[in-house]
Amino acid sequence: MEKDLLEQVYMEYMKPVYLYLFSLCHSHETAEDLTQETFLRALCSLEQTERILPWLLRVAKNLYIDVWRRERASRMQQERELTDEEEEILEQLIKKEQNRRLYGTILCLSDREREAVVLYYFAGFSQEEIGRQMEIGHGNVRVILHRAKRKLKEMLKESDGKRHGGSDTKRRV
């Protein structure tokens, strides 16, 4: 394509191509970029034809569709990331609420039961280490932990029943 012809085509059709693209994307910057890209593609592949504007508008529309698809894919990815973040935040809130309830219930245990539970489940002590710490036998530690777990289950079950209008839900402790 001759330089003069390309310049003539650009001067004659730049404005309608730009306006067409702007009507599609509603963005001056995007319309300008796509207009330039349209004429760049025209430079590379335009053959002599009498119907230049329809061809240019088809190229422009195809370029716009490519940009729109990329932006849509990017938006969808961002939405998925936001959804994942929202789910993570919700899970953290639920876990925090469960931990708060469990901690409040542990505080209702007797001093010995509370100490054994905290040492076993939160400090990671073995039953033998708890026995040495509390100055009691290994067998007594097992009995205290067993009774404390049973009490915690019952108390959590009761609090769930009160919160959910008497529903019978089970919790694992």
N, C-alpha and C. Protein backbone atom coordinates (compact mmCIF):
# COMPACT_ATOMS: atom_id res chain seq x y z
N MET A 1 0.86 -1.17 0.00
CA MET A 1 0.00 0.00 0.00
C MET A 1 0.91 1.23 0.00
N GLU A 2 0.56 2.18 -0.84
CA GLU A 2 1.38 3.38 -0.96
C GLU A 2 1.18 4.27 0.26
N LYS A 3 2.24 5.03 0.57
CA LYS A 3 2.20 5.92 1.72
C LYS A 3 1.10 6.97 1.58
N ASP A 4 0.97 7.54 0.42
CA ASP A 4 -0.06 8.56 0.20
C ASP A 4 -1.46 7.99 0.36
N LEU A 5 -1.64 6.78 -0.17
CA LEU A 5 -2.95 6.15 -0.05
C LEU A 5 -3.28 5.85 1.41
N LEU A 6 -2.30 5.35 2.16
CA LEU A 6 -2.52 5.07 3.57
C LEU A 6 -2.85 6.34 4.34
N GLU A 7 -2.12 7.41 4.04
CA GLU A 7 -2.39 8.69 4.69
C GLU A 7 -3.79 9.20 4.33
N GLN A 8 -4.15 9.04 3.10
CA GLN A 8 -5.48 9.46 2.65
C GLN A 8 -6.57 8.63 3.35
N VAL A 9 -6.36 7.33 3.44
CA VAL A 9 -7.32 6.44 4.12
C VAL A 9 -7.41 6.83 5.59
N TYR A 10 -6.27 7.09 6.22
CA TYR A 10 -6.27 7.47 7.64
C TYR A 10 -7.04 8.77 7.85
N MET A 11 -6.77 9.78 7.05
CA MET A 11 -7.42 11.08 7.21
C MET A 11 -8.93 10.98 6.97
N GLU A 12 -9.31 10.15 6.02
CA GLU A 12 -10.72 10.04 5.67
C GLU A 12 -11.51 9.21 6.67
N TYR A 13 -10.90 8.15 7.22
CA TYR A 13 -11.67 7.19 8.01
C TYR A 13 -11.31 7.14 9.51
N MET A 14 -10.32 7.89 9.91
CA MET A 14 -9.91 7.85 11.31
C MET A 14 -11.07 8.24 12.23
N LYS A 15 -11.75 9.32 11.90
CA LYS A 15 -12.82 9.81 12.78
C LYS A 15 -13.99 8.81 12.87
N PRO A 16 -14.51 8.27 11.76
CA PRO A 16 -15.60 7.30 11.91
C PRO A 16 -15.17 6.02 12.64
N VAL A 17 -13.93 5.58 12.43
CA VAL A 17 -13.44 4.39 13.14
C VAL A 17 -13.36 4.68 14.63
N TYR A 18 -12.80 5.85 14.96
CA TYR A 18 -12.70 6.23 16.37
C TYR A 18 -14.09 6.31 17.02
N LEU A 19 -15.03 6.99 16.35
CA LEU A 19 -16.37 7.13 16.91
C LEU A 19 -17.06 5.78 17.08
N TYR A 20 -16.85 4.90 16.12
CA TYR A 20 -17.42 3.56 16.20
C TYR A 20 -16.85 2.81 17.42
N LEU A 21 -15.53 2.87 17.56
CA LEU A 21 -14.90 2.20 18.70
C LEU A 21 -15.32 2.82 20.03
N PHE A 22 -15.43 4.14 20.05
CA PHE A 22 -15.87 4.81 21.28
C PHE A 22 -17.30 4.39 21.64
N SER A 23 -18.13 4.21 20.63
CA SER A 23 -19.51 3.78 20.91
C SER A 23 -19.53 2.37 21.50
N LEU A 24 -18.52 1.56 21.19
CA LEU A 24 -18.45 0.20 21.74
C LEU A 24 -17.88 0.17 23.16
N CYS A 25 -16.79 0.92 23.38
CA CYS A 25 -16.08 0.78 24.65
C CYS A 25 -16.31 1.93 25.63
N HIS A 26 -16.82 3.07 25.19
CA HIS A 26 -17.09 4.22 26.07
C HIS A 26 -15.86 4.71 26.81
N SER A 27 -14.70 4.59 26.17
CA SER A 27 -13.45 5.06 26.76
C SER A 27 -12.62 5.72 25.67
N HIS A 28 -12.26 7.00 25.90
CA HIS A 28 -11.47 7.73 24.89
C HIS A 28 -10.12 7.06 24.68
N GLU A 29 -9.45 6.69 25.78
CA GLU A 29 -8.12 6.09 25.66
C GLU A 29 -8.17 4.77 24.91
N THR A 30 -9.13 3.91 25.27
CA THR A 30 -9.24 2.62 24.60
C THR A 30 -9.60 2.81 23.13
N ALA A 31 -10.51 3.73 22.84
CA ALA A 31 -10.90 3.99 21.45
C ALA A 31 -9.71 4.50 20.64
N GLU A 32 -8.90 5.39 21.22
CA GLU A 32 -7.71 5.89 20.52
C GLU A 32 -6.72 4.76 20.25
N ASP A 33 -6.46 3.94 21.28
CA ASP A 33 -5.53 2.83 21.12
C ASP A 33 -6.01 1.86 20.04
N LEU A 34 -7.29 1.53 20.08
CA LEU A 34 -7.82 0.58 19.10
C LEU A 34 -7.86 1.19 17.69
N THR A 35 -8.08 2.49 17.59
CA THR A 35 -8.05 3.16 16.29
C THR A 35 -6.66 3.05 15.69
N GLN A 36 -5.65 3.34 16.49
CA GLN A 36 -4.27 3.22 16.01
C GLN A 36 -3.95 1.78 15.60
N GLU A 37 -4.38 0.82 16.41
CA GLU A 37 -4.15 -0.59 16.10
C GLU A 37 -4.87 -0.98 14.81
N THR A 38 -6.07 -0.45 14.61
CA THR A 38 -6.83 -0.74 13.38
C THR A 38 -6.06 -0.29 12.15
N PHE A 39 -5.53 0.92 12.19
CA PHE A 39 -4.81 1.42 11.02
C PHE A 39 -3.44 0.75 10.88
N LEU A 40 -2.86 0.32 11.96
CA LEU A 40 -1.62 -0.45 11.87
C LEU A 40 -1.87 -1.78 11.16
N ARG A 41 -2.96 -2.43 11.53
CA ARG A 41 -3.31 -3.69 10.84
C ARG A 41 -3.64 -3.42 9.38
N ALA A 42 -4.28 -2.28 9.12
CA ALA A 42 -4.61 -1.93 7.74
C ALA A 42 -3.32 -1.77 6.92
N LEU A 43 -2.34 -1.15 7.52
CA LEU A 43 -1.05 -0.96 6.85
C LEU A 43 -0.44 -2.30 6.47
N CYS A 44 -0.60 -3.27 7.36
CA CYS A 44 0.01 -4.58 7.14
C CYS A 44 -0.75 -5.44 6.14
N SER A 45 -2.07 -5.28 6.03
CA SER A 45 -2.80 -6.25 5.23
C SER A 45 -3.86 -5.71 4.30
N LEU A 46 -4.01 -4.43 4.18
CA LEU A 46 -5.07 -3.88 3.34
C LEU A 46 -4.70 -4.02 1.86
N GLU A 47 -5.63 -4.57 1.12
CA GLU A 47 -5.47 -4.65 -0.32
C GLU A 47 -6.32 -3.55 -0.93
N GLN A 48 -6.06 -3.25 -2.15
CA GLN A 48 -6.85 -2.23 -2.82
C GLN A 48 -8.31 -2.68 -2.87
N THR A 49 -9.18 -1.87 -2.32
CA THR A 49 -10.60 -2.18 -2.36
C THR A 49 -11.38 -0.88 -2.33
N GLU A 50 -12.55 -0.92 -2.89
CA GLU A 50 -13.38 0.27 -2.89
C GLU A 50 -14.14 0.41 -1.58
N ARG A 51 -14.30 -0.65 -0.83
CA ARG A 51 -15.09 -0.62 0.40
C ARG A 51 -14.16 -0.66 1.62
N ILE A 52 -13.41 0.39 1.79
CA ILE A 52 -12.41 0.46 2.85
C ILE A 52 -13.05 0.62 4.23
N LEU A 53 -14.01 1.53 4.36
CA LEU A 53 -14.59 1.79 5.69
C LEU A 53 -15.25 0.54 6.29
N PRO A 54 -16.07 -0.20 5.59
CA PRO A 54 -16.63 -1.42 6.21
C PRO A 54 -15.54 -2.39 6.68
N TRP A 55 -14.49 -2.52 5.86
CA TRP A 55 -13.39 -3.41 6.24
C TRP A 55 -12.70 -2.88 7.50
N LEU A 56 -12.44 -1.57 7.54
CA LEU A 56 -11.79 -0.97 8.72
C LEU A 56 -12.66 -1.15 9.97
N LEU A 57 -13.96 -0.96 9.82
CA LEU A 57 -14.85 -1.11 10.97
C LEU A 57 -14.90 -2.56 11.45
N ARG A 58 -14.83 -3.51 10.54
CA ARG A 58 -14.80 -4.92 10.94
C ARG A 58 -13.50 -5.21 11.69
N VAL A 59 -12.38 -4.72 11.21
CA VAL A 59 -11.10 -4.88 11.92
C VAL A 59 -11.19 -4.23 13.29
N ALA A 60 -11.74 -3.01 13.34
CA ALA A 60 -11.87 -2.29 14.61
C ALA A 60 -12.72 -3.07 15.59
N LYS A 61 -13.85 -3.60 15.12
CA LYS A 61 -14.73 -4.36 16.01
C LYS A 61 -14.03 -5.61 16.51
N ASN A 62 -13.33 -6.30 15.65
CA ASN A 62 -12.61 -7.50 16.08
C ASN A 62 -11.55 -7.17 17.13
N LEU A 63 -10.87 -6.07 16.95
CA LEU A 63 -9.89 -5.63 17.95
C LEU A 63 -10.58 -5.33 19.27
N TYR A 64 -11.72 -4.63 19.20
CA TYR A 64 -12.47 -4.32 20.43
C TYR A 64 -12.91 -5.60 21.13
N ILE A 65 -13.40 -6.57 20.37
CA ILE A 65 -13.84 -7.84 20.98
C ILE A 65 -12.67 -8.53 21.66
N ASP A 66 -11.50 -8.51 21.04
CA ASP A 66 -10.31 -9.11 21.68
C ASP A 66 -10.01 -8.44 23.01
N VAL A 67 -10.03 -7.11 23.03
CA VAL A 67 -9.76 -6.36 24.27
C VAL A 67 -10.84 -6.66 25.30
N TRP A 68 -12.08 -6.66 24.87
CA TRP A 68 -13.21 -6.92 25.78
C TRP A 68 -13.08 -8.30 26.41
N ARG A 69 -12.73 -9.30 25.63
CA ARG A 69 -12.56 -10.66 26.17
C ARG A 69 -11.43 -10.72 27.20
N ARG A 70 -10.31 -10.06 26.88
CA ARG A 70 -9.19 -10.06 27.84
C ARG A 70 -9.60 -9.38 29.15
N GLU A 71 -10.29 -8.24 29.02
CA GLU A 71 -10.72 -7.52 30.23
C GLU A 71 -11.74 -8.34 31.02
N ARG A 72 -12.66 -9.00 30.32
CA ARG A 72 -13.66 -9.83 30.99
C ARG A 72 -12.98 -10.98 31.73
N ALA A 73 -12.01 -11.62 31.07
CA ALA A 73 -11.29 -12.71 31.72
C ALA A 73 -10.56 -12.21 32.96
N SER A 74 -9.97 -11.02 32.84
CA SER A 74 -9.26 -10.43 33.98
C SER A 74 -10.23 -10.12 35.12
N ARG A 75 -11.39 -9.54 34.79
CA ARG A 75 -12.41 -9.24 35.81
C ARG A 75 -12.90 -10.51 36.49
N MET A 76 -13.13 -11.55 35.69
CA MET A 76 -13.61 -12.81 36.26
C MET A 76 -12.57 -13.40 37.22
N GLN A 77 -11.30 -13.29 36.85
CA GLN A 77 -10.23 -13.78 37.73
C GLN A 77 -10.20 -12.98 39.02
N GLN A 78 -10.35 -11.65 38.91
CA GLN A 78 -10.36 -10.81 40.11
C GLN A 78 -11.55 -11.15 41.00
N GLU A 79 -12.71 -11.41 40.39
CA GLU A 79 -13.90 -11.77 41.17
C GLU A 79 -13.68 -13.10 41.88
N ARG A 80 -13.05 -14.07 41.20
CA ARG A 80 -12.75 -15.35 41.85
C ARG A 80 -11.81 -15.15 43.03
N GLU A 81 -10.80 -14.28 42.84
CA GLU A 81 -9.86 -14.01 43.93
C GLU A 81 -10.58 -13.35 45.10
N LEU A 82 -11.48 -12.40 44.81
CA LEU A 82 -12.24 -11.76 45.88
C LEU A 82 -13.13 -12.76 46.59
N THR A 83 -13.76 -13.65 45.83
CA THR A 83 -14.61 -14.66 46.43
C THR A 83 -13.78 -15.56 47.36
N ASP A 84 -12.60 -15.96 46.90
CA ASP A 84 -11.72 -16.78 47.74
C ASP A 84 -11.34 -16.04 49.02
N GLU A 85 -11.02 -14.74 48.89
CA GLU A 85 -10.67 -13.95 50.07
C GLU A 85 -11.86 -13.83 51.03
N GLU A 86 -13.04 -13.60 50.47
CA GLU A 86 -14.24 -13.48 51.31
C GLU A 86 -14.52 -14.78 52.04
N GLU A 87 -14.36 -15.92 51.36
CA GLU A 87 -14.58 -17.21 51.99
C GLU A 87 -13.56 -17.44 53.11
N GLU A 88 -12.32 -17.04 52.86
CA GLU A 88 -11.28 -17.20 53.87
C GLU A 88 -11.59 -16.35 55.11
N ILE A 89 -12.04 -15.12 54.88
CA ILE A 89 -12.39 -14.24 55.99
C ILE A 89 -13.55 -14.83 56.77
N LEU A 90 -14.57 -15.35 56.07
CA LEU A 90 -15.71 -15.97 56.73
C LEU A 90 -15.28 -17.17 57.55
N GLU A 91 -14.42 -18.01 56.98
CA GLU A 91 -13.92 -19.17 57.72
C GLU A 91 -13.17 -18.73 58.98
N GLN A 92 -12.37 -17.67 58.86
CA GLN A 92 -11.64 -17.18 60.03
C GLN A 92 -12.60 -16.67 61.10
N LEU A 93 -13.65 -15.97 60.69
CA LEU A 93 -14.64 -15.47 61.65
C LEU A 93 -15.36 -16.62 62.35
N ILE A 94 -15.73 -17.63 61.58
CA ILE A 94 -16.41 -18.79 62.16
C ILE A 94 -15.49 -19.49 63.15
N LYS A 95 -14.25 -19.70 62.74
CA LYS A 95 -13.29 -20.37 63.62
C LYS A 95 -13.07 -19.54 64.89
N LYS A 96 -12.97 -18.23 64.74
CA LYS A 96 -12.77 -17.35 65.89
C LYS A 96 -13.96 -17.45 66.85
N GLU A 97 -15.17 -17.47 66.29
CA GLU A 97 -16.38 -17.60 67.13
C GLU A 97 -16.41 -18.96 67.82
N GLN A 98 -16.05 -20.01 67.11
CA GLN A 98 -16.01 -21.35 67.71
C GLN A 98 -14.97 -21.40 68.83
N ASN A 99 -13.81 -20.82 68.58
CA ASN A 99 -12.76 -20.80 69.60
C ASN A 99 -13.20 -19.99 70.83
N ARG A 100 -13.89 -18.88 70.59
CA ARG A 100 -14.39 -18.06 71.70
C ARG A 100 -15.38 -18.86 72.55
N ARG A 101 -16.28 -19.56 71.88
CA ARG A 101 -17.27 -20.37 72.60
C ARG A 101 -16.59 -21.50 73.37
N LEU A 102 -15.62 -22.16 72.72
CA LEU A 102 -14.91 -23.26 73.37
C LEU A 102 -14.14 -22.74 74.58
N TYR A 103 -13.47 -21.61 74.44
CA TYR A 103 -12.71 -21.03 75.55
C TYR A 103 -13.64 -20.68 76.70
N GLY A 104 -14.78 -20.08 76.38
CA GLY A 104 -15.76 -19.74 77.43
C GLY A 104 -16.26 -20.99 78.15
N THR A 105 -16.44 -22.06 77.41
CA THR A 105 -16.90 -23.32 78.01
C THR A 105 -15.80 -23.95 78.87
N ILE A 106 -14.56 -23.87 78.40
CA ILE A 106 -13.43 -24.40 79.19
C ILE A 106 -13.33 -23.68 80.53
N LEU A 107 -13.62 -22.39 80.53
CA LEU A 107 -13.56 -21.63 81.78
C LEU A 107 -14.59 -22.12 82.80
N CYS A 108 -15.61 -22.82 82.36
CA CYS A 108 -16.65 -23.34 83.26
C CYS A 108 -16.24 -24.65 83.93
N LEU A 109 -15.15 -25.26 83.47
CA LEU A 109 -14.67 -26.50 84.08
C LEU A 109 -14.04 -26.21 85.44
N SER A 110 -13.89 -27.29 86.22
CA SER A 110 -13.19 -27.14 87.51
C SER A 110 -11.73 -26.79 87.24
N ASP A 111 -11.04 -26.31 88.27
CA ASP A 111 -9.64 -25.89 88.10
C ASP A 111 -8.78 -27.04 87.57
N ARG A 112 -8.93 -28.24 88.13
CA ARG A 112 -8.11 -29.39 87.70
C ARG A 112 -8.42 -29.78 86.26
N GLU A 113 -9.72 -29.81 85.94
CA GLU A 113 -10.09 -30.18 84.58
C GLU A 113 -9.58 -29.14 83.58
N ARG A 114 -9.75 -27.87 83.92
CA ARG A 114 -9.31 -26.79 83.04
C ARG A 114 -7.80 -26.88 82.82
N GLU A 115 -7.04 -27.07 83.89
CA GLU A 115 -5.59 -27.16 83.77
C GLU A 115 -5.19 -28.34 82.89
N ALA A 116 -5.80 -29.49 83.10
CA ALA A 116 -5.46 -30.68 82.31
C ALA A 116 -5.80 -30.46 80.83
N VAL A 117 -6.97 -29.90 80.56
CA VAL A 117 -7.38 -29.66 79.17
C VAL A 117 -6.45 -28.68 78.49
N VAL A 118 -6.13 -27.59 79.15
CA VAL A 118 -5.25 -26.58 78.55
C VAL A 118 -3.87 -27.17 78.29
N LEU A 119 -3.33 -27.90 79.26
CA LEU A 119 -2.00 -28.49 79.07
C LEU A 119 -2.00 -29.52 77.93
N TYR A 120 -3.06 -30.32 77.85
CA TYR A 120 -3.10 -31.40 76.86
C TYR A 120 -3.38 -30.86 75.44
N TYR A 121 -4.45 -30.07 75.29
CA TYR A 121 -4.88 -29.65 73.96
C TYR A 121 -4.19 -28.40 73.44
N PHE A 122 -3.81 -27.50 74.32
CA PHE A 122 -3.25 -26.24 73.85
C PHE A 122 -1.73 -26.15 74.04
N ALA A 123 -1.20 -26.77 75.08
CA ALA A 123 0.25 -26.73 75.30
C ALA A 123 0.94 -27.96 74.70
N GLY A 124 0.16 -28.99 74.33
CA GLY A 124 0.72 -30.17 73.69
C GLY A 124 1.44 -31.12 74.64
N PHE A 125 1.14 -31.03 75.94
CA PHE A 125 1.76 -31.93 76.91
C PHE A 125 1.21 -33.34 76.73
N SER A 126 2.07 -34.33 77.00
CA SER A 126 1.59 -35.71 77.05
C SER A 126 0.91 -35.93 78.40
N GLN A 127 0.19 -37.03 78.52
CA GLN A 127 -0.48 -37.32 79.79
C GLN A 127 0.53 -37.50 80.92
N GLU A 128 1.67 -38.08 80.61
CA GLU A 128 2.72 -38.25 81.63
C GLU A 128 3.24 -36.89 82.10
N GLU A 129 3.46 -35.97 81.15
CA GLU A 129 3.96 -34.64 81.50
C GLU A 129 2.93 -33.87 82.33
N ILE A 130 1.66 -34.04 82.00
CA ILE A 130 0.60 -33.39 82.78
C ILE A 130 0.60 -33.93 84.19
N GLY A 131 0.75 -35.25 84.33
CA GLY A 131 0.80 -35.87 85.65
C GLY A 131 1.93 -35.29 86.50
N ARG A 132 3.09 -35.14 85.89
CA ARG A 132 4.22 -34.56 86.63
C ARG A 132 3.93 -33.11 87.00
N GLN A 133 3.37 -32.34 86.05
CA GLN A 133 3.07 -30.93 86.29
C GLN A 133 2.04 -30.77 87.41
N MET A 134 1.01 -31.61 87.38
CA MET A 134 -0.07 -31.47 88.36
C MET A 134 0.17 -32.33 89.61
N GLU A 135 1.27 -33.07 89.58
CA GLU A 135 1.65 -33.96 90.69
C GLU A 135 0.56 -34.99 90.99
N ILE A 136 0.10 -35.63 89.93
CA ILE A 136 -0.87 -36.73 90.05
C ILE A 136 -0.43 -37.85 89.11
N GLY A 137 -1.01 -39.01 89.26
CA GLY A 137 -0.65 -40.15 88.44
C GLY A 137 -1.20 -40.06 87.02
N HIS A 138 -0.56 -40.83 86.13
CA HIS A 138 -0.95 -40.88 84.73
C HIS A 138 -2.40 -41.32 84.57
N GLY A 139 -2.84 -42.30 85.35
CA GLY A 139 -4.22 -42.78 85.29
C GLY A 139 -5.22 -41.70 85.66
N ASN A 140 -4.87 -40.90 86.69
CA ASN A 140 -5.77 -39.80 87.08
C ASN A 140 -5.90 -38.75 85.97
N VAL A 141 -4.81 -38.49 85.27
CA VAL A 141 -4.85 -37.53 84.17
C VAL A 141 -5.83 -38.02 83.10
N ARG A 142 -5.75 -39.32 82.76
CA ARG A 142 -6.66 -39.87 81.75
C ARG A 142 -8.11 -39.71 82.17
N VAL A 143 -8.40 -39.98 83.44
CA VAL A 143 -9.78 -39.86 83.94
C VAL A 143 -10.22 -38.40 83.91
N ILE A 144 -9.38 -37.48 84.35
CA ILE A 144 -9.73 -36.05 84.36
C ILE A 144 -10.00 -35.57 82.93
N LEU A 145 -9.13 -35.93 81.98
CA LEU A 145 -9.32 -35.51 80.60
C LEU A 145 -10.60 -36.09 80.01
N HIS A 146 -10.87 -37.37 80.30
CA HIS A 146 -12.08 -38.00 79.79
C HIS A 146 -13.33 -37.29 80.32
N ARG A 147 -13.36 -37.04 81.62
CA ARG A 147 -14.52 -36.36 82.22
C ARG A 147 -14.66 -34.93 81.70
N ALA A 148 -13.53 -34.25 81.55
CA ALA A 148 -13.56 -32.87 81.06
C ALA A 148 -14.10 -32.82 79.62
N LYS A 149 -13.65 -33.75 78.78
CA LYS A 149 -14.16 -33.80 77.40
C LYS A 149 -15.66 -34.05 77.38
N ARG A 150 -16.12 -34.97 78.21
CA ARG A 150 -17.55 -35.27 78.27
C ARG A 150 -18.34 -34.04 78.71
N LYS A 151 -17.84 -33.33 79.73
CA LYS A 151 -18.51 -32.11 80.19
C LYS A 151 -18.54 -31.05 79.10
N LEU A 152 -17.42 -30.86 78.43
CA LEU A 152 -17.36 -29.87 77.35
C LEU A 152 -18.37 -30.19 76.25
N LYS A 153 -18.45 -31.45 75.87
CA LYS A 153 -19.41 -31.85 74.84
C LYS A 153 -20.84 -31.54 75.28
N GLU A 154 -21.15 -31.87 76.51
CA GLU A 154 -22.51 -31.62 77.02
C GLU A 154 -22.80 -30.12 77.08
N MET A 155 -21.86 -29.34 77.58
CA MET A 155 -22.08 -27.90 77.69
C MET A 155 -22.22 -27.25 76.31
N LEU A 156 -21.40 -27.67 75.35
CA LEU A 156 -21.49 -27.12 74.00
C LEU A 156 -22.80 -27.54 73.33
N LYS A 157 -23.21 -28.76 73.59
CA LYS A 157 -24.48 -29.25 73.04
C LYS A 157 -25.64 -28.44 73.62
N GLU A 158 -25.59 -28.18 74.92
CA GLU A 158 -26.64 -27.37 75.55
C GLU A 158 -26.66 -25.96 74.97
N SER A 159 -25.50 -25.35 74.84
CA SER A 159 -25.47 -23.98 74.31
C SER A 159 -25.93 -23.94 72.86
N ASP A 160 -25.63 -24.97 72.08
CA ASP A 160 -26.15 -25.05 70.71
C ASP A 160 -27.66 -25.18 70.71
N GLY A 161 -28.18 -25.99 71.62
CA GLY A 161 -29.62 -26.17 71.71
C GLY A 161 -30.33 -24.88 72.06
N LYS A 162 -29.73 -24.10 72.94
CA LYS A 162 -30.33 -22.81 73.32
C LYS A 162 -30.25 -21.81 72.17
N ARG A 163 -29.13 -21.82 71.44
CA ARG A 163 -28.94 -20.87 70.34
C ARG A 163 -29.81 -21.20 69.15
N HIS A 164 -30.08 -22.49 68.93
CA HIS A 164 -30.83 -22.91 67.73
C HIS A 164 -32.22 -23.41 68.07
N GLY A 165 -32.77 -22.92 69.13
CA GLY A 165 -34.14 -23.27 69.47
C GLY A 165 -34.33 -24.74 69.81
N GLY A 166 -33.36 -25.33 70.48
CA GLY A 166 -33.51 -26.70 70.95
C GLY A 166 -33.07 -27.76 69.97
N SER A 167 -32.39 -27.38 68.88
CA SER A 167 -31.94 -28.41 67.94
C SER A 167 -30.87 -29.26 68.59
N ASP A 168 -30.79 -30.48 68.16
CA ASP A 168 -29.88 -31.45 68.76
C ASP A 168 -28.67 -31.64 67.87
N THR A 169 -27.72 -30.70 67.94
CA THR A 169 -26.51 -30.82 67.12
C THR A 169 -25.38 -31.33 67.99
N LYS A 170 -24.47 -32.06 67.35
CA LYS A 170 -23.33 -32.63 68.08
C LYS A 170 -22.07 -31.90 67.68
N ARG A 171 -21.19 -31.74 68.64
CA ARG A 171 -19.88 -31.12 68.39
C ARG A 171 -18.81 -32.06 68.84
N ARG A 172 -17.71 -32.06 68.12
CA ARG A 172 -16.55 -32.86 68.51
C ARG A 172 -15.57 -32.02 69.25
N VAL A 173 -15.11 -32.49 70.36
CA VAL A 173 -14.09 -31.78 71.14
C VAL A 173 -12.90 -32.68 71.29
